[in-house]
């Protein structure tokens, strides 16, 4: 009886191990499928990536700085023109 009990417990343990492995595989497959569907949804919605957002943000910052520099130059030129004697 002892040998039979051990064999039954061994079989049950093997089944449990196999079931846990199968569950882990299903979990990975489900996560992969969900991630793929989420990425497809975001692509279809034309959502920008973080890299694209950061690139455009940097471009906007540079343009803003250049615009401010040009505004200062224009103000300085207008001030110089205003000081010129009128004809």
Protein backbone atom coordinates (compact mmCIF):
# COMPACT_ATOMS: atom_id res chain seq x y z
CA UNK A 1 0.00 0.00 0.00
CA UNK A 2 2.85 2.39 0.76
CA UNK A 3 4.32 2.01 -2.69
CA UNK A 4 0.92 2.57 -4.30
CA UNK A 5 0.33 5.70 -2.21
CA UNK A 6 3.73 7.10 -3.16
CA UNK A 7 3.05 6.42 -6.83
CA UNK A 8 -0.35 8.13 -6.62
CA UNK A 9 1.22 11.14 -4.90
CA UNK A 10 3.99 11.20 -7.52
CA UNK A 11 1.38 11.13 -10.30
CA UNK A 12 -0.62 13.88 -8.63
CA UNK A 13 2.53 15.96 -8.17
CA UNK A 14 3.44 15.45 -11.83
CA UNK A 15 -0.06 16.48 -12.91
CA UNK A 16 0.11 19.58 -10.71
CA UNK A 17 3.53 20.50 -12.13
CA UNK A 18 2.28 20.01 -15.68
CA UNK A 19 -0.84 22.06 -14.94
CA UNK A 20 1.24 24.87 -13.44
CA UNK A 21 3.49 24.84 -16.52
CA UNK A 22 0.50 24.94 -18.83
CA UNK A 23 -1.04 27.80 -16.82
CA UNK A 24 2.21 29.75 -17.02
CA UNK A 25 2.35 29.19 -20.77
CA UNK A 26 -1.24 30.37 -21.16
CA UNK A 27 -0.45 33.43 -19.05
CA UNK A 28 2.51 34.36 -21.28
CA UNK A 29 0.46 33.76 -24.42
CA UNK A 30 -2.42 35.87 -23.09
CA UNK A 31 -0.06 38.71 -22.14
CA UNK A 32 1.57 38.60 -25.58
CA UNK A 33 -1.81 38.61 -27.32
CA UNK A 34 -3.08 41.48 -25.14
CA UNK A 35 0.07 43.52 -25.76
CA UNK A 36 -0.22 42.98 -29.52
CA UNK A 37 -3.88 44.02 -29.51
CA UNK A 38 -3.10 47.12 -27.41
CA UNK A 39 -0.28 48.13 -29.76
CA UNK A 40 -2.55 47.63 -32.79
CA UNK A 41 -5.27 49.73 -31.14
CA UNK A 42 -2.83 52.54 -30.40
CA UNK A 43 -1.44 52.44 -33.95
CA UNK A 44 -4.97 52.60 -35.36
CA UNK A 45 -5.74 55.58 -33.10
CA UNK A 46 -2.64 57.41 -34.43
CA UNK A 47 -1.23 57.83 -30.92
CA UNK A 48 2.34 59.09 -31.03
CA UNK A 49 5.18 57.26 -29.36
CA UNK A 50 7.13 58.75 -26.48
CA UNK A 51 10.16 59.20 -28.76
CA UNK A 52 8.11 61.11 -31.34
CA UNK A 53 6.59 63.29 -28.63
CA UNK A 54 10.00 64.11 -27.14
CA UNK A 55 11.42 64.95 -30.60
CA UNK A 56 8.57 67.35 -31.39
CA UNK A 57 8.80 68.85 -27.91
CA UNK A 58 12.53 69.55 -28.44
CA UNK A 59 11.82 71.08 -31.85
CA UNK A 60 9.14 73.34 -30.35
CA UNK A 61 11.47 74.45 -27.56
CA UNK A 62 14.21 75.30 -30.09
CA UNK A 63 11.73 77.21 -32.28
CA UNK A 64 10.47 79.12 -29.23
CA UNK A 65 14.03 80.10 -28.27
CA UNK A 66 14.83 81.19 -31.83
CA UNK A 67 11.60 83.18 -31.96
CA UNK A 68 12.45 84.97 -28.71
CA UNK A 69 15.97 85.77 -29.99
CA UNK A 70 14.53 87.16 -33.23
CA UNK A 71 11.98 89.24 -31.31
CA UNK A 72 14.79 90.74 -29.21
CA UNK A 73 16.82 91.54 -32.35
CA UNK A 74 13.78 93.13 -33.98
CA UNK A 75 13.08 95.24 -30.91
CA UNK A 76 16.72 96.39 -30.85
CA UNK A 77 16.61 97.30 -34.54
CA UNK A 78 13.33 99.17 -34.12
CA UNK A 79 14.84 101.08 -31.20
CA UNK A 80 17.85 102.04 -33.34
CA UNK A 81 15.60 103.12 -36.18
CA UNK A 82 13.50 105.21 -33.81
CA UNK A 83 16.65 107.10 -32.73
CA UNK A 84 17.62 108.03 -36.31
CA UNK A 85 16.88 111.59 -37.31
CA UNK A 86 13.85 111.89 -39.45
CA UNK A 87 14.15 113.38 -42.91
